[in-house]
Amino acid sequence: EAIHAFVHKMLHNSPAAQQIEALWKEYEDRETPEARFVKGASGISCITLEYERALNASALQPFYNTSIPYIEHEWGKDLLEERQRL
C-alpha cells in the first residue's frame, strides 16, 4: 500500500509519519464526521467531472465558478484546471 511505504520507508516511521498514517486510516475507514465529509467531497468531485466528460455537458459550470475557487486546497485548483480543459 502506498501510504504504508510512504510512512515506513520514506518517513522512517517518525511521530509525524505515524500521525499521517492514523489520519489516513481515519479517512479510509470514515471514522469521524470530518473523514466522512472529506471522503464524500472527494467522491462528488470525481462524479461531477466524469458526468461532464461522459455527456460532454457544461451544465455544472455555475457550480465550478461559484464554489470550487473557494476551496483552499490543491485538489480544488486541480479540479478547476481539469474542468477548463474540457
PDB file of N, CA and C in Angstrom:
ATOM      1  N   GLU A   1       0.845  -1.181   0.000  1.00  0.00           N
ATOM      2  CA  GLU A   1       0.000   0.000   0.000  1.00  0.00           C
ATOM      3  C   GLU A   1       0.887   1.238   0.000  1.00  0.00           C
ATOM      4  N   ALA A   2       0.491   2.227  -0.757  1.00  0.00           N
ATOM      5  CA  ALA A   2       1.302   3.439  -0.924  1.00  0.00           C
ATOM      6  C   ALA A   2       1.508   4.183   0.391  1.00  0.00           C
ATOM      7  N   ILE A   3       0.471   4.312   1.185  1.00  0.00           N
ATOM      8  CA  ILE A   3       0.611   5.064   2.440  1.00  0.00           C
ATOM      9  C   ILE A   3       1.572   4.353   3.390  1.00  0.00           C
ATOM     10  N   HIS A   4       1.540   3.032   3.396  1.00  0.00           N
ATOM     11  CA  HIS A   4       2.443   2.257   4.253  1.00  0.00           C
ATOM     12  C   HIS A   4       3.901   2.506   3.841  1.00  0.00           C
ATOM     13  N   ALA A   5       4.174   2.454   2.541  1.00  0.00           N
ATOM     14  CA  ALA A   5       5.533   2.700   2.058  1.00  0.00           C
ATOM     15  C   ALA A   5       5.969   4.127   2.375  1.00  0.00           C
ATOM     16  N   PHE A   6       5.068   5.076   2.190  1.00  0.00           N
ATOM     17  CA  PHE A   6       5.379   6.477   2.475  1.00  0.00           C
ATOM     18  C   PHE A   6       5.742   6.664   3.940  1.00  0.00           C
ATOM     19  N   VAL A   7       4.924   6.109   4.812  1.00  0.00           N
ATOM     20  CA  VAL A   7       5.119   6.287   6.254  1.00  0.00           C
ATOM     21  C   VAL A   7       6.355   5.554   6.757  1.00  0.00           C
ATOM     22  N   HIS A   8       6.518   4.315   6.361  1.00  0.00           N
ATOM     23  CA  HIS A   8       7.571   3.493   6.947  1.00  0.00           C
ATOM     24  C   HIS A   8       8.915   3.601   6.227  1.00  0.00           C
ATOM     25  N   LYS A   9       8.891   3.740   4.913  1.00  0.00           N
ATOM     26  CA  LYS A   9      10.154   3.793   4.172  1.00  0.00           C
ATOM     27  C   LYS A   9      10.658   5.221   3.984  1.00  0.00           C
ATOM     28  N   MET A  10       9.779   6.108   3.564  1.00  0.00           N
ATOM     29  CA  MET A  10      10.227   7.470   3.274  1.00  0.00           C
ATOM     30  C   MET A  10      10.331   8.334   4.529  1.00  0.00           C
ATOM     31  N   LEU A  11       9.396   8.167   5.445  1.00  0.00           N
ATOM     32  CA  LEU A  11       9.393   8.993   6.652  1.00  0.00           C
ATOM     33  C   LEU A  11       9.953   8.265   7.866  1.00  0.00           C
ATOM     34  N   HIS A  12      10.418   7.057   7.654  1.00  0.00           N
ATOM     35  CA  HIS A  12      11.114   6.270   8.682  1.00  0.00           C
ATOM     36  C   HIS A  12      10.311   6.121   9.970  1.00  0.00           C
ATOM     37  N   ASN A  13       9.008   5.994   9.822  1.00  0.00           N
ATOM     38  CA  ASN A  13       8.116   5.722  10.954  1.00  0.00           C
ATOM     39  C   ASN A  13       8.252   6.764  12.075  1.00  0.00           C
ATOM     40  N   SER A  14       8.514   7.989  11.701  1.00  0.00           N
ATOM     41  CA  SER A  14       8.652   9.080  12.675  1.00  0.00           C
ATOM     42  C   SER A  14       7.301   9.370  13.333  1.00  0.00           C
ATOM     43  N   PRO A  15       7.283  10.145  14.404  1.00  0.00           N
ATOM     44  CA  PRO A  15       5.996  10.503  15.019  1.00  0.00           C
ATOM     45  C   PRO A  15       5.048  11.190  14.032  1.00  0.00           C
ATOM     46  N   ALA A  16       5.583  12.067  13.191  1.00  0.00           N
ATOM     47  CA  ALA A  16       4.735  12.720  12.184  1.00  0.00           C
ATOM     48  C   ALA A  16       4.192  11.691  11.197  1.00  0.00           C
ATOM     49  N   ALA A  17       5.021  10.733  10.820  1.00  0.00           N
ATOM     50  CA  ALA A  17       4.590   9.683   9.902  1.00  0.00           C
ATOM     51  C   ALA A  17       3.471   8.851  10.515  1.00  0.00           C
ATOM     52  N   GLN A  18       3.595   8.552  11.786  1.00  0.00           N
ATOM     53  CA  GLN A  18       2.555   7.780  12.465  1.00  0.00           C
ATOM     54  C   GLN A  18       1.239   8.553  12.512  1.00  0.00           C
ATOM     55  N   GLN A  19       1.333   9.866  12.689  1.00  0.00           N
ATOM     56  CA  GLN A  19       0.121  10.683  12.695  1.00  0.00           C
ATOM     57  C   GLN A  19      -0.517  10.706  11.306  1.00  0.00           C
ATOM     58  N   ILE A  20       0.303  10.809  10.270  1.00  0.00           N
ATOM     59  CA  ILE A  20      -0.215  10.774   8.899  1.00  0.00           C
ATOM     60  C   ILE A  20      -0.926   9.459   8.644  1.00  0.00           C
ATOM     61  N   GLU A  21      -0.313   8.364   9.068  1.00  0.00           N
ATOM     62  CA  GLU A  21      -0.919   7.047   8.862  1.00  0.00           C
ATOM     63  C   GLU A  21      -2.241   6.929   9.621  1.00  0.00           C
ATOM     64  N   ALA A  22      -2.296   7.453  10.835  1.00  0.00           N
ATOM     65  CA  ALA A  22      -3.535   7.405  11.621  1.00  0.00           C
ATOM     66  C   ALA A  22      -4.634   8.232  10.960  1.00  0.00           C
ATOM     67  N   LEU A  23      -4.272   9.396  10.445  1.00  0.00           N
ATOM     68  CA  LEU A  23      -5.268  10.230   9.762  1.00  0.00           C
ATOM     69  C   LEU A  23      -5.747   9.577   8.471  1.00  0.00           C
ATOM     70  N   TRP A  24      -4.834   8.920   7.762  1.00  0.00           N
ATOM     71  CA  TRP A  24      -5.223   8.217   6.533  1.00  0.00           C
ATOM     72  C   TRP A  24      -6.202   7.092   6.855  1.00  0.00           C
ATOM     73  N   LYS A  25      -5.919   6.350   7.910  1.00  0.00           N
ATOM     74  CA  LYS A  25      -6.819   5.269   8.322  1.00  0.00           C
ATOM     75  C   LYS A  25      -8.180   5.841   8.716  1.00  0.00           C
ATOM     76  N   GLU A  26      -8.170   6.951   9.450  1.00  0.00           N
ATOM     77  CA  GLU A  26      -9.420   7.610   9.838  1.00  0.00           C
ATOM     78  C   GLU A  26     -10.228   7.984   8.598  1.00  0.00           C
ATOM     79  N   TYR A  27      -9.546   8.517   7.585  1.00  0.00           N
ATOM     80  CA  TYR A  27     -10.197   8.896   6.324  1.00  0.00           C
ATOM     81  C   TYR A  27     -10.745   7.668   5.603  1.00  0.00           C
ATOM     82  N   GLU A  28      -9.907   6.670   5.420  1.00  0.00           N
ATOM     83  CA  GLU A  28     -10.323   5.467   4.689  1.00  0.00           C
ATOM     84  C   GLU A  28     -11.469   4.735   5.382  1.00  0.00           C
ATOM     85  N   ASP A  29     -11.434   4.680   6.705  1.00  0.00           N
ATOM     86  CA  ASP A  29     -12.463   3.966   7.467  1.00  0.00           C
ATOM     87  C   ASP A  29     -13.673   4.837   7.794  1.00  0.00           C
ATOM     88  N   ARG A  30     -13.597   6.104   7.411  1.00  0.00           N
ATOM     89  CA  ARG A  30     -14.695   7.055   7.675  1.00  0.00           C
ATOM     90  C   ARG A  30     -15.061   7.068   9.165  1.00  0.00           C
ATOM     91  N   GLU A  31     -14.049   7.174  10.007  1.00  0.00           N
ATOM     92  CA  GLU A  31     -14.237   7.048  11.454  1.00  0.00           C
ATOM     93  C   GLU A  31     -14.822   8.282  12.127  1.00  0.00           C
ATOM     94  N   THR A  32     -14.682   9.444  11.518  1.00  0.00           N
ATOM     95  CA  THR A  32     -15.147  10.682  12.146  1.00  0.00           C
ATOM     96  C   THR A  32     -16.031  11.451  11.167  1.00  0.00           C
ATOM     97  N   PRO A  33     -16.812  12.393  11.667  1.00  0.00           N
ATOM     98  CA  PRO A  33     -17.617  13.220  10.751  1.00  0.00           C
ATOM     99  C   PRO A  33     -16.746  13.945   9.718  1.00  0.00           C
ATOM    100  N   GLU A  34     -15.577  14.407  10.135  1.00  0.00           N
ATOM    101  CA  GLU A  34     -14.685  15.102   9.205  1.00  0.00           C
ATOM    102  C   GLU A  34     -14.198  14.164   8.103  1.00  0.00           C
ATOM    103  N   ALA A  35     -13.844  12.952   8.481  1.00  0.00           N
ATOM    104  CA  ALA A  35     -13.370  11.981   7.497  1.00  0.00           C
ATOM    105  C   ALA A  35     -14.478  11.627   6.518  1.00  0.00           C
ATOM    106  N   ARG A  36     -15.688  11.467   7.011  1.00  0.00           N
ATOM    107  CA  ARG A  36     -16.812  11.166   6.125  1.00  0.00           C
ATOM    108  C   ARG A  36     -17.080  12.325   5.169  1.00  0.00           C
ATOM    109  N   PHE A  37     -16.973  13.547   5.671  1.00  0.00           N
ATOM    110  CA  PHE A  37     -17.182  14.717   4.824  1.00  0.00           C
ATOM    111  C   PHE A  37     -16.144  14.777   3.704  1.00  0.00           C
ATOM    112  N   VAL A  38     -14.877  14.612   4.059  1.00  0.00           N
ATOM    113  CA  VAL A  38     -13.805  14.693   3.067  1.00  0.00           C
ATOM    114  C   VAL A  38     -13.934  13.570   2.048  1.00  0.00           C
ATOM    115  N   LYS A  39     -14.235  12.372   2.508  1.00  0.00           N
ATOM    116  CA  LYS A  39     -14.398  11.235   1.597  1.00  0.00           C
ATOM    117  C   LYS A  39     -15.548  11.506   0.633  1.00  0.00           C
ATOM    118  N   GLY A  40     -16.645  12.044   1.164  1.00  0.00           N
ATOM    119  CA  GLY A  40     -17.788  12.373   0.317  1.00  0.00           C
ATOM    120  C   GLY A  40     -17.478  13.467  -0.681  1.00  0.00           C
ATOM    121  N   ALA A  41     -16.782  14.509  -0.239  1.00  0.00           N
ATOM    122  CA  ALA A  41     -16.423  15.608  -1.136  1.00  0.00           C
ATOM    123  C   ALA A  41     -15.520  15.120  -2.263  1.00  0.00           C
ATOM    124  N   SER A  42     -14.624  14.235  -1.933  1.00  0.00           N
ATOM    125  CA  SER A  42     -13.738  13.677  -2.944  1.00  0.00           C
ATOM    126  C   SER A  42     -14.539  12.906  -3.986  1.00  0.00           C
ATOM    127  N   GLY A  43     -15.480  12.120  -3.525  1.00  0.00           N
ATOM    128  CA  GLY A  43     -16.320  11.357  -4.447  1.00  0.00           C
ATOM    129  C   GLY A  43     -17.178  12.246  -5.321  1.00  0.00           C
ATOM    130  N   ILE A  44     -17.732  13.291  -4.742  1.00  0.00           N
ATOM    131  CA  ILE A  44     -18.582  14.197  -5.508  1.00  0.00           C
ATOM    132  C   ILE A  44     -17.786  14.880  -6.615  1.00  0.00           C
ATOM    133  N   SER A  45     -16.585  15.315  -6.308  1.00  0.00           N
ATOM    134  CA  SER A  45     -15.787  15.987  -7.334  1.00  0.00           C
ATOM    135  C   SER A  45     -15.484  15.043  -8.494  1.00  0.00           C
ATOM    136  N   CYS A  46     -15.199  13.792  -8.192  1.00  0.00           N
ATOM    137  CA  CYS A  46     -14.931  12.811  -9.246  1.00  0.00           C
ATOM    138  C   CYS A  46     -16.181  12.525 -10.067  1.00  0.00           C
ATOM    139  N   ILE A  47     -17.301  12.380  -9.387  1.00  0.00           N
ATOM    140  CA  ILE A  47     -18.559  12.085 -10.074  1.00  0.00           C
ATOM    141  C   ILE A  47     -18.947  13.213 -11.015  1.00  0.00           C
ATOM    142  N   THR A  48     -18.869  14.455 -10.547  1.00  0.00           N
ATOM    143  CA  THR A  48     -19.279  15.571 -11.401  1.00  0.00           C
ATOM    144  C   THR A  48     -18.380  15.699 -12.621  1.00  0.00           C
ATOM    145  N   LEU A  49     -17.091  15.503 -12.441  1.00  0.00           N
ATOM    146  CA  LEU A  49     -16.175  15.591 -13.567  1.00  0.00           C
ATOM    147  C   LEU A  49     -16.451  14.482 -14.578  1.00  0.00           C
ATOM    148  N   GLU A  50     -16.650  13.255 -14.117  1.00  0.00           N
ATOM    149  CA  GLU A  50     -16.943  12.144 -15.023  1.00  0.00           C
ATOM    150  C   GLU A  50     -18.295  12.319 -15.713  1.00  0.00           C
ATOM    151  N   TYR A  51     -19.261  12.853 -15.017  1.00  0.00           N
ATOM    152  CA  TYR A  51     -20.572  13.132 -15.602  1.00  0.00           C
ATOM    153  C   TYR A  51     -20.419  14.087 -16.782  1.00  0.00           C
ATOM    154  N   GLU A  52     -19.678  15.137 -16.581  1.00  0.00           N
ATOM    155  CA  GLU A  52     -19.495  16.098 -17.667  1.00  0.00           C
ATOM    156  C   GLU A  52     -18.693  15.500 -18.818  1.00  0.00           C
ATOM    157  N   ARG A  53     -17.702  14.708 -18.518  1.00  0.00           N
ATOM    158  CA  ARG A  53     -16.927  14.063 -19.589  1.00  0.00           C
ATOM    159  C   ARG A  53     -17.811  13.137 -20.416  1.00  0.00           C
ATOM    160  N   ALA A  54     -18.575  12.312 -19.725  1.00  0.00           N
ATOM    161  CA  ALA A  54     -19.399  11.315 -20.411  1.00  0.00           C
ATOM    162  C   ALA A  54     -20.465  11.948 -21.289  1.00  0.00           C
ATOM    163  N   LEU A  55     -21.049  13.031 -20.832  1.00  0.00           N
ATOM    164  CA  LEU A  55     -22.148  13.657 -21.565  1.00  0.00           C
ATOM    165  C   LEU A  55     -21.724  14.886 -22.350  1.00  0.00           C
ATOM    166  N   ASN A  56     -20.443  15.200 -22.296  1.00  0.00           N
ATOM    167  CA  ASN A  56     -19.948  16.404 -22.952  1.00  0.00           C
ATOM    168  C   ASN A  56     -20.822  17.598 -22.583  1.00  0.00           C
ATOM    169  N   ALA A  57     -21.115  17.690 -21.310  1.00  0.00           N
ATOM    170  CA  ALA A  57     -22.043  18.708 -20.811  1.00  0.00           C
ATOM    171  C   ALA A  57     -21.291  19.824 -20.103  1.00  0.00           C
ATOM    172  N   SER A  58     -21.933  20.953 -20.020  1.00  0.00           N
ATOM    173  CA  SER A  58     -21.341  22.063 -19.275  1.00  0.00           C
ATOM    174  C   SER A  58     -22.337  22.641 -18.280  1.00  0.00           C
ATOM    175  N   ALA A  59     -23.361  21.865 -17.944  1.00  0.00           N
ATOM    176  CA  ALA A  59     -24.414  22.345 -17.045  1.00  0.00           C
ATOM    177  C   ALA A  59     -23.901  22.641 -15.640  1.00  0.00           C
ATOM    178  N   LEU A  60     -22.782  22.071 -15.279  1.00  0.00           N
ATOM    179  CA  LEU A  60     -22.259  22.275 -13.931  1.00  0.00           C
ATOM    180  C   LEU A  60     -21.293  23.453 -13.839  1.00  0.00           C
ATOM    181  N   GLN A  61     -21.117  24.180 -14.929  1.00  0.00           N
ATOM    182  CA  GLN A  61     -20.183  25.306 -14.918  1.00  0.00           C
ATOM    183  C   GLN A  61     -20.494  26.319 -13.815  1.00  0.00           C
ATOM    184  N   PRO A  62     -21.752  26.692 -13.571  1.00  0.00           N
ATOM    185  CA  PRO A  62     -22.018  27.630 -12.471  1.00  0.00           C
ATOM    186  C   PRO A  62     -21.534  27.109 -11.112  1.00  0.00           C
ATOM    187  N   PHE A  63     -21.660  25.814 -10.889  1.00  0.00           N
ATOM    188  CA  PHE A  63     -21.156  25.211  -9.653  1.00  0.00           C
ATOM    189  C   PHE A  63     -19.651  25.416  -9.533  1.00  0.00           C
ATOM    190  N   TYR A  64     -18.948  25.109 -10.599  1.00  0.00           N
ATOM    191  CA  TYR A  64     -17.496  25.269 -10.580  1.00  0.00           C
ATOM    192  C   TYR A  64     -17.105  26.727 -10.369  1.00  0.00           C
ATOM    193  N   ASN A  65     -17.796  27.624 -11.045  1.00  0.00           N
ATOM    194  CA  ASN A  65     -17.450  29.046 -10.960  1.00  0.00           C
ATOM    195  C   ASN A  65     -17.652  29.628  -9.569  1.00  0.00           C
ATOM    196  N   THR A  66     -18.670  29.165  -8.865  1.00  0.00           N
ATOM    197  CA  THR A  66     -19.012  29.796  -7.591  1.00  0.00           C
ATOM    198  C   THR A  66     -18.527  29.059  -6.352  1.00  0.00           C
ATOM    199  N   SER A  67     -18.111  27.821  -6.481  1.00  0.00           N
ATOM    200  CA  SER A  67     -17.723  27.096  -5.272  1.00  0.00           C
ATOM    201  C   SER A  67     -16.279  26.614  -5.266  1.00  0.00           C
ATOM    202  N   ILE A  68     -15.835  26.025  -6.321  1.00  0.00           N
ATOM    203  CA  ILE A  68     -14.506  25.424  -6.335  1.00  0.00           C
ATOM    204  C   ILE A  68     -13.390  26.445  -6.077  1.00  0.00           C
ATOM    205  N   PRO A  69     -13.469  27.686  -6.593  1.00  0.00           N
ATOM    206  CA  PRO A  69     -12.375  28.630  -6.322  1.00  0.00           C
ATOM    207  C   PRO A  69     -12.151  28.918  -4.837  1.00  0.00           C
ATOM    208  N   TYR A  70     -13.152  28.667  -4.023  1.00  0.00           N
ATOM    209  CA  TYR A  70     -13.026  28.956  -2.596  1.00  0.00           C
ATOM    210  C   TYR A  70     -12.469  27.789  -1.791  1.00  0.00           C
ATOM    211  N   ILE A  71     -12.236  26.678  -2.424  1.00  0.00           N
ATOM    212  CA  ILE A  71     -11.626  25.541  -1.738  1.00  0.00           C
ATOM    213  C   ILE A  71     -10.138  25.826  -1.620  1.00  0.00           C
ATOM    214  N   GLU A  72      -9.675  25.958  -0.413  1.00  0.00           N
ATOM    215  CA  GLU A  72      -8.274  26.291  -0.185  1.00  0.00           C
ATOM    216  C   GLU A  72      -7.440  25.026  -0.043  1.00  0.00           C
ATOM    217  N   HIS A  73      -7.428  24.281  -1.128  1.00  0.00           N
ATOM    218  CA  HIS A  73      -6.670  23.038  -1.151  1.00  0.00           C
ATOM    219  C   HIS A  73      -6.223  22.803  -2.585  1.00  0.00           C
ATOM    220  N   GLU A  74      -5.123  22.112  -2.736  1.00  0.00           N
ATOM    221  CA  GLU A  74      -4.560  21.873  -4.060  1.00  0.00           C
ATOM    222  C   GLU A  74      -5.529  21.150  -4.986  1.00  0.00           C
ATOM    223  N   TRP A  75      -6.332  20.215  -4.464  1.00  0.00           N
ATOM    224  CA  TRP A  75      -7.230  19.484  -5.356  1.00  0.00           C
ATOM    225  C   TRP A  75      -8.317  20.387  -5.910  1.00  0.00           C
ATOM    226  N   GLY A  76      -8.659  21.465  -5.226  1.00  0.00           N
ATOM    227  CA  GLY A  76      -9.616  22.420  -5.776  1.00  0.00           C
ATOM    228  C   GLY A  76      -9.048  23.086  -7.015  1.00  0.00           C
ATOM    229  N   LYS A  77      -7.791  23.470  -6.938  1.00  0.00           N
ATOM    230  CA  LYS A  77      -7.106  24.060  -8.089  1.00  0.00           C
ATOM    231  C   LYS A  77      -7.006  23.040  -9.223  1.00  0.00           C
ATOM    232  N   ASP A  78      -6.647  21.808  -8.889  1.00  0.00           N
ATOM    233  CA  ASP A  78      -6.544  20.755  -9.897  1.00  0.00           C
ATOM    234  C   ASP A  78      -7.883  20.508 -10.578  1.00  0.00           C
ATOM    235  N   LEU A  79      -8.944  20.517  -9.801  1.00  0.00           N
ATOM    236  CA  LEU A  79     -10.277  20.291 -10.352  1.00  0.00           C
ATOM    237  C   LEU A  79     -10.653  21.397 -11.331  1.00  0.00           C
ATOM    238  N   LEU A  80     -10.373  22.634 -10.977  1.00  0.00           N
ATOM    239  CA  LEU A  80     -10.660  23.750 -11.885  1.00  0.00           C
ATOM    240  C   LEU A  80      -9.845  23.645 -13.170  1.00  0.00           C
ATOM    241  N   GLU A  81      -8.578  23.299 -13.052  1.00  0.00           N
ATOM    242  CA  GLU A  81      -7.741  23.162 -14.240  1.00  0.00           C
ATOM    243  C   GLU A  81      -8.256  22.054 -15.148  1.00  0.00           C
ATOM    244  N   GLU A  82      -8.649  20.945 -14.559  1.00  0.00           N
ATOM    245  CA  GLU A  82      -9.207  19.837 -15.337  1.00  0.00           C
ATOM    246  C   GLU A  82     -10.494  20.271 -16.023  1.00  0.00           C
ATOM    247  N   ARG A  83     -11.312  20.998 -15.319  1.00  0.00           N
ATOM    248  CA  ARG A  83     -12.586  21.479 -15.861  1.00  0.00           C
ATOM    249  C   ARG A  83     -12.362  22.419 -17.041  1.00  0.00           C
ATOM    250  N   GLN A  84     -11.355  23.256 -16.952  1.00  0.00           N
ATOM    251  CA  GLN A  84     -11.075  24.203 -18.028  1.00  0.00           C
ATOM    252  C   GLN A  84     -10.570  23.505 -19.284  1.00  0.00           C
ATOM    253  N   ARG A  85      -9.999  22.313 -19.135  1.00  0.00           N
ATOM    254  CA  ARG A  85      -9.523  21.561 -20.299  1.00  0.00           C
ATOM    255  C   ARG A  85     -10.662  20.893 -21.053  1.00  0.00           C
ATOM    256  N   LEU A  86     -11.828  20.765 -20.440  1.00  0.00           N
ATOM    257  CA  LEU A  86     -12.960  20.103 -21.110  1.00  0.00           C
ATOM    258  C   LEU A  86     -13.555  20.961 -22.197  1.00  0.00           C
TER     259      LEU A  86
END
